[in-house]
Amino acid sequence: MTDLEPDEAESRLRAALAEEGFGILTEIDVSATLKQKLDVDWVPYRILGACNPTLAYQALGREESIGLLLPCNVVVYRRGPGTAVEILDPSLMVELTGNPELEAVAAEARSRLERALSTLPSKPSDGGTAK
């Protein structure tokens, strides 16, 4: 959790992800989609599909079907008075495929994603993590 507004948190996160070699391949504005399709108002909520091409290439070389689990999803959404910023743990790639050859790639992806998250200021009440 962070005290930043969702747009500011997303902007800073994008910059931090770029520093770690990730680009954003997909973006889903969940709140806009819910408004358009269901006429429902929802808190600001975005899903970003982050990809590090080098790591994706390494993962695909070890498990062709890994594309089902790519890109790495990151969510940014309003939660109460703050903003939640969360990642899907890349180690799930190993668990879901049962392929231990993905362990090093998943660990590297997780490390880079966590470094990007750590650049966001955290709320004092959440133990000092941005996740």
Protein backbone atom coordinates (compact mmCIF):
# COMPACT_ATOMS: atom_id res chain seq x y z
CA MET A 1 0.00 0.00 0.00
CA THR A 2 1.07 3.51 -0.72
CA ASP A 3 -0.31 6.95 0.07
CA LEU A 4 0.13 7.95 -3.57
CA GLU A 5 -2.94 8.48 -5.73
CA PRO A 6 -3.45 5.62 -8.23
CA ASP A 7 -2.32 7.67 -11.25
CA GLU A 8 0.86 8.81 -9.50
CA ALA A 9 1.59 5.30 -8.21
CA GLU A 10 1.14 3.89 -11.72
CA SER A 11 3.35 6.56 -13.28
CA ARG A 12 6.16 5.95 -10.79
CA LEU A 13 5.78 2.19 -11.11
CA ARG A 14 6.03 2.34 -14.90
CA ALA A 15 9.30 4.28 -14.59
CA ALA A 16 10.67 1.82 -12.02
CA LEU A 17 9.67 -1.17 -14.15
CA ALA A 18 11.43 0.39 -17.15
CA GLU A 19 14.58 0.74 -15.03
CA GLU A 20 14.35 -3.02 -14.39
CA GLY A 21 14.01 -3.80 -18.11
CA PHE A 22 10.22 -4.23 -18.23
CA GLY A 23 7.91 -2.71 -20.79
CA ILE A 24 4.14 -2.61 -20.54
CA LEU A 25 2.63 -4.82 -23.24
CA THR A 26 -0.97 -4.70 -22.11
CA GLU A 27 -3.12 -2.32 -20.08
CA ILE A 28 -6.62 -2.94 -18.85
CA ASP A 29 -8.56 -0.10 -17.25
CA VAL A 30 -10.98 -2.25 -15.27
CA SER A 31 -13.03 0.66 -13.93
CA ALA A 32 -13.54 2.12 -17.44
CA THR A 33 -14.50 -1.29 -18.82
CA LEU A 34 -17.02 -1.90 -16.04
CA LYS A 35 -18.52 1.53 -16.64
CA GLN A 36 -18.75 1.01 -20.39
CA LYS A 37 -20.04 -2.57 -20.34
CA LEU A 38 -22.15 -2.65 -17.17
CA ASP A 39 -22.67 1.03 -16.30
CA VAL A 40 -21.03 0.30 -12.93
CA ASP A 41 -18.86 2.80 -11.11
CA TRP A 42 -15.72 1.22 -9.67
CA VAL A 43 -12.65 2.48 -7.90
CA PRO A 44 -9.64 3.28 -10.12
CA TYR A 45 -8.28 -0.17 -11.02
CA ARG A 46 -5.69 -0.99 -13.71
CA ILE A 47 -3.99 -4.20 -14.74
CA LEU A 48 -0.60 -3.78 -16.39
CA GLY A 49 1.05 -6.62 -18.31
CA ALA A 50 4.78 -6.11 -17.71
CA CYS A 51 7.34 -7.94 -19.83
CA ASN A 52 11.10 -8.15 -19.66
CA PRO A 53 12.01 -9.46 -23.14
CA THR A 54 15.23 -11.14 -22.01
CA LEU A 55 13.51 -13.03 -19.21
CA ALA A 56 10.54 -13.90 -21.43
CA TYR A 57 12.93 -15.32 -24.03
CA GLN A 58 14.71 -17.39 -21.39
CA ALA A 59 11.39 -18.70 -20.04
CA LEU A 60 10.08 -19.58 -23.51
CA GLY A 61 13.31 -21.48 -24.19
CA ARG A 62 12.64 -23.66 -21.17
CA GLU A 63 8.86 -24.04 -21.53
CA GLU A 64 7.06 -23.12 -24.75
CA SER A 65 3.63 -23.04 -23.12
CA ILE A 66 4.83 -20.42 -20.60
CA GLY A 67 3.14 -17.81 -22.78
CA LEU A 68 -0.06 -18.75 -20.98
CA LEU A 69 1.44 -17.13 -17.87
CA LEU A 70 3.02 -14.10 -19.54
CA PRO A 71 3.27 -11.17 -19.20
CA CYS A 72 3.76 -10.56 -15.48
CA ASN A 73 0.58 -8.93 -14.21
CA VAL A 74 0.76 -5.91 -11.94
CA VAL A 75 -2.35 -4.28 -10.47
CA VAL A 76 -2.76 -0.72 -9.26
CA TYR A 77 -6.03 0.15 -7.54
CA ARG A 78 -7.65 2.35 -4.95
CA ARG A 79 -7.96 0.60 -1.59
CA GLY A 80 -9.53 2.77 1.09
CA PRO A 81 -7.52 5.96 1.57
CA GLY A 82 -4.47 4.54 -0.23
CA THR A 83 -3.45 2.69 -3.36
CA ALA A 84 -2.62 -1.00 -3.58
CA VAL A 85 0.16 -2.05 -5.96
CA GLU A 86 0.58 -5.80 -6.29
CA ILE A 87 2.34 -8.30 -8.53
CA LEU A 88 1.61 -11.89 -9.37
CA ASP A 89 4.57 -13.84 -8.03
CA PRO A 90 6.51 -15.21 -11.03
CA SER A 91 7.43 -18.31 -9.01
CA LEU A 92 3.92 -19.51 -9.84
CA MET A 93 5.34 -20.27 -13.29
CA VAL A 94 7.39 -23.03 -11.71
CA GLU A 95 4.53 -24.34 -9.59
CA LEU A 96 1.96 -24.38 -12.39
CA THR A 97 4.22 -25.91 -15.03
CA GLY A 98 6.11 -28.25 -12.72
CA ASN A 99 9.24 -27.28 -14.67
CA PRO A 100 12.19 -26.65 -12.32
CA GLU A 101 14.18 -25.19 -15.24
CA LEU A 102 12.10 -22.02 -14.80
CA GLU A 103 13.24 -21.43 -11.20
CA ALA A 104 16.15 -19.11 -12.03
CA VAL A 105 14.13 -17.06 -14.52
CA ALA A 106 11.22 -16.75 -12.08
CA ALA A 107 13.55 -15.73 -9.25
CA GLU A 108 15.15 -13.05 -11.41
CA ALA A 109 11.76 -11.72 -12.54
CA ARG A 110 10.52 -11.63 -8.96
CA SER A 111 13.64 -9.81 -7.78
CA ARG A 112 13.30 -7.17 -10.49
CA LEU A 113 9.57 -6.69 -9.87
CA GLU A 114 10.11 -6.38 -6.13
CA ARG A 115 12.85 -3.77 -6.67
CA ALA A 116 10.43 -1.78 -8.82
CA LEU A 117 7.73 -2.02 -6.14
CA SER A 118 10.18 -0.96 -3.44
CA THR A 119 10.63 2.43 -5.13
CA LEU A 120 7.10 3.44 -4.14
CA PRO A 121 6.63 5.10 -0.77
CA SER A 122 4.75 2.76 1.53
CA LYS A 123 2.14 3.54 4.12
CA PRO A 124 3.59 3.31 7.64
CA SER A 125 0.87 0.88 8.70
CA ASP A 126 1.67 -1.80 6.12
CA GLY A 127 5.06 -2.82 7.43
CA GLY A 128 7.09 -0.88 4.91
CA THR A 129 6.32 -2.84 1.75
CA ALA A 130 4.77 -1.41 -1.37
CA LYS A 131 3.18 -4.72 -2.28
